[in-house]
Amino acid sequence: MKQTDSRKNINDKLELNIDFYNHIRVKRKTKKIYPA
C-alpha cells in the first residue's frame, strides 16, 4: 500500500509541476503578444 501511495503522490506532484510550467509558458506567450 505504501509503495503505491508514494507512487500516486509522485504522479500528483508531477502533474502539478506540469500544470505550473504550462501556466508560466502561457503567461510568457501572452506577455509577448500583449506587452504590459
PDB file of N, CA and C in Angstrom:
ATOM      1  N   MET A   1       0.840  -1.212   0.000  1.00  0.00           N
ATOM      2  CA  MET A   1       0.000   0.000   0.000  1.00  0.00           C
ATOM      3  C   MET A   1       0.872   1.258   0.000  1.00  0.00           C
ATOM      4  N   LYS A   2       1.881   1.263   0.872  1.00  0.00           N
ATOM      5  CA  LYS A   2       2.722   2.467   0.967  1.00  0.00           C
ATOM      6  C   LYS A   2       3.389   2.781  -0.369  1.00  0.00           C
ATOM      7  N   GLN A   3       3.872   1.728  -1.050  1.00  0.00           N
ATOM      8  CA  GLN A   3       4.576   1.962  -2.313  1.00  0.00           C
ATOM      9  C   GLN A   3       3.646   2.624  -3.333  1.00  0.00           C
ATOM     10  N   THR A   4       2.443   2.101  -3.477  1.00  0.00           N
ATOM     11  CA  THR A   4       1.511   2.671  -4.453  1.00  0.00           C
ATOM     12  C   THR A   4       1.108   4.077  -4.029  1.00  0.00           C
ATOM     13  N   ASP A   5       0.968   4.302  -2.716  1.00  0.00           N
ATOM     14  CA  ASP A   5       0.600   5.637  -2.228  1.00  0.00           C
ATOM     15  C   ASP A   5       1.673   6.643  -2.615  1.00  0.00           C
ATOM     16  N   SER A   6       2.937   6.279  -2.361  1.00  0.00           N
ATOM     17  CA  SER A   6       4.022   7.210  -2.684  1.00  0.00           C
ATOM     18  C   SER A   6       4.094   7.424  -4.192  1.00  0.00           C
ATOM     19  N   ARG A   7       3.850   6.364  -4.952  1.00  0.00           N
ATOM     20  CA  ARG A   7       3.882   6.498  -6.415  1.00  0.00           C
ATOM     21  C   ARG A   7       2.786   7.466  -6.866  1.00  0.00           C
ATOM     22  N   LYS A   8       1.601   7.343  -6.276  1.00  0.00           N
ATOM     23  CA  LYS A   8       0.498   8.240  -6.628  1.00  0.00           C
ATOM     24  C   LYS A   8       0.863   9.676  -6.251  1.00  0.00           C
ATOM     25  N   ASN A   9       1.506   9.851  -5.096  1.00  0.00           N
ATOM     26  CA  ASN A   9       1.926  11.185  -4.671  1.00  0.00           C
ATOM     27  C   ASN A   9       2.892  11.784  -5.681  1.00  0.00           C
ATOM     28  N   ILE A  10       3.840  10.971  -6.139  1.00  0.00           N
ATOM     29  CA  ILE A  10       4.823  11.462  -7.115  1.00  0.00           C
ATOM     30  C   ILE A  10       4.107  11.865  -8.398  1.00  0.00           C
ATOM     31  N   ASN A  11       3.152  11.051  -8.836  1.00  0.00           N
ATOM     32  CA  ASN A  11       2.403  11.382 -10.055  1.00  0.00           C
ATOM     33  C   ASN A  11       1.635  12.685  -9.871  1.00  0.00           C
ATOM     34  N   ASP A  12       1.010  12.854  -8.705  1.00  0.00           N
ATOM     35  CA  ASP A  12       0.265  14.090  -8.432  1.00  0.00           C
ATOM     36  C   ASP A  12       1.203  15.286  -8.482  1.00  0.00           C
ATOM     37  N   LYS A  13       2.393  15.140  -7.884  1.00  0.00           N
ATOM     38  CA  LYS A  13       3.357  16.241  -7.881  1.00  0.00           C
ATOM     39  C   LYS A  13       3.804  16.554  -9.302  1.00  0.00           C
ATOM     40  N   LEU A  14       4.041  15.509 -10.091  1.00  0.00           N
ATOM     41  CA  LEU A  14       4.462  15.728 -11.478  1.00  0.00           C
ATOM     42  C   LEU A  14       3.382  16.482 -12.240  1.00  0.00           C
ATOM     43  N   GLU A  15       2.135  16.081 -12.052  1.00  0.00           N
ATOM     44  CA  GLU A  15       1.031  16.762 -12.740  1.00  0.00           C
ATOM     45  C   GLU A  15       0.956  18.223 -12.310  1.00  0.00           C
ATOM     46  N   LEU A  16       1.151  18.480 -11.014  1.00  0.00           N
ATOM     47  CA  LEU A  16       1.132  19.860 -10.520  1.00  0.00           C
ATOM     48  C   LEU A  16       2.248  20.657 -11.178  1.00  0.00           C
ATOM     49  N   ASN A  17       3.443  20.072 -11.249  1.00  0.00           N
ATOM     50  CA  ASN A  17       4.575  20.765 -11.863  1.00  0.00           C
ATOM     51  C   ASN A  17       4.295  21.064 -13.326  1.00  0.00           C
ATOM     52  N   ILE A  18       3.696  20.103 -14.038  1.00  0.00           N
ATOM     53  CA  ILE A  18       3.376  20.306 -15.458  1.00  0.00           C
ATOM     54  C   ILE A  18       2.355  21.425 -15.596  1.00  0.00           C
ATOM     55  N   ASP A  19       1.329  21.419 -14.739  1.00  0.00           N
ATOM     56  CA  ASP A  19       0.320  22.487 -14.774  1.00  0.00           C
ATOM     57  C   ASP A  19       0.975  23.836 -14.529  1.00  0.00           C
ATOM     58  N   PHE A  20       1.870  23.884 -13.539  1.00  0.00           N
ATOM     59  CA  PHE A  20       2.554  25.135 -13.188  1.00  0.00           C
ATOM     60  C   PHE A  20       3.409  25.604 -14.365  1.00  0.00           C
ATOM     61  N   TYR A  21       4.152  24.668 -14.981  1.00  0.00           N
ATOM     62  CA  TYR A  21       5.008  25.012 -16.121  1.00  0.00           C
ATOM     63  C   TYR A  21       4.168  25.531 -17.284  1.00  0.00           C
ATOM     64  N   ASN A  22       3.069  24.853 -17.578  1.00  0.00           N
ATOM     65  CA  ASN A  22       2.190  25.303 -18.664  1.00  0.00           C
ATOM     66  C   ASN A  22       1.634  26.684 -18.361  1.00  0.00           C
ATOM     67  N   HIS A  23       1.281  26.938 -17.104  1.00  0.00           N
ATOM     68  CA  HIS A  23       0.740  28.240 -16.703  1.00  0.00           C
ATOM     69  C   HIS A  23       1.778  29.332 -16.964  1.00  0.00           C
ATOM     70  N   ILE A  24       3.041  29.065 -16.590  1.00  0.00           N
ATOM     71  CA  ILE A  24       4.110  30.052 -16.813  1.00  0.00           C
ATOM     72  C   ILE A  24       4.309  30.256 -18.310  1.00  0.00           C
ATOM     73  N   ARG A  25       4.298  29.164 -19.070  1.00  0.00           N
ATOM     74  CA  ARG A  25       4.521  29.256 -20.513  1.00  0.00           C
ATOM     75  C   ARG A  25       3.417  30.095 -21.157  1.00  0.00           C
ATOM     76  N   VAL A  26       2.182  29.861 -20.758  1.00  0.00           N
ATOM     77  CA  VAL A  26       1.056  30.629 -21.304  1.00  0.00           C
ATOM     78  C   VAL A  26       1.222  32.098 -20.938  1.00  0.00           C
ATOM     79  N   LYS A  27       1.632  32.358 -19.699  1.00  0.00           N
ATOM     80  CA  LYS A  27       1.832  33.735 -19.251  1.00  0.00           C
ATOM     81  C   LYS A  27       2.888  34.414 -20.121  1.00  0.00           C
ATOM     82  N   ARG A  28       3.977  33.707 -20.388  1.00  0.00           N
ATOM     83  CA  ARG A  28       5.056  34.286 -21.195  1.00  0.00           C
ATOM     84  C   ARG A  28       4.566  34.558 -22.614  1.00  0.00           C
ATOM     85  N   LYS A  29       3.809  33.621 -23.160  1.00  0.00           N
ATOM     86  CA  LYS A  29       3.278  33.806 -24.521  1.00  0.00           C
ATOM     87  C   LYS A  29       2.385  35.039 -24.574  1.00  0.00           C
ATOM     88  N   THR A  30       1.484  35.161 -23.594  1.00  0.00           N
ATOM     89  CA  THR A  30       0.571  36.305 -23.599  1.00  0.00           C
ATOM     90  C   THR A  30       1.350  37.590 -23.367  1.00  0.00           C
ATOM     91  N   LYS A  31       2.434  37.507 -22.587  1.00  0.00           N
ATOM     92  CA  LYS A  31       3.237  38.705 -22.331  1.00  0.00           C
ATOM     93  C   LYS A  31       3.871  39.185 -23.631  1.00  0.00           C
ATOM     94  N   LYS A  32       4.298  38.236 -24.465  1.00  0.00           N
ATOM     95  CA  LYS A  32       4.912  38.610 -25.745  1.00  0.00           C
ATOM     96  C   LYS A  32       3.864  39.234 -26.665  1.00  0.00           C
ATOM     97  N   ILE A  33       2.665  38.659 -26.665  1.00  0.00           N
ATOM     98  CA  ILE A  33       1.612  39.171 -27.543  1.00  0.00           C
ATOM     99  C   ILE A  33       1.099  40.511 -27.012  1.00  0.00           C
ATOM    100  N   TYR A  34       0.883  40.583 -25.693  1.00  0.00           N
ATOM    101  CA  TYR A  34       0.389  41.826 -25.077  1.00  0.00           C
ATOM    102  C   TYR A  34       1.422  42.338 -24.075  1.00  0.00           C
ATOM    103  N   PRO A  35       2.434  43.052 -24.536  1.00  0.00           N
ATOM    104  CA  PRO A  35       3.438  43.547 -23.581  1.00  0.00           C
ATOM    105  C   PRO A  35       2.822  44.549 -22.611  1.00  0.00           C
ATOM    106  N   ALA A  36       3.064  44.338 -21.329  1.00  0.00           N
ATOM    107  CA  ALA A  36       2.469  45.221 -20.317  1.00  0.00           C
ATOM    108  C   ALA A  36       3.184  46.573 -20.308  1.00  0.00           C
TER     109      ALA A  36
END
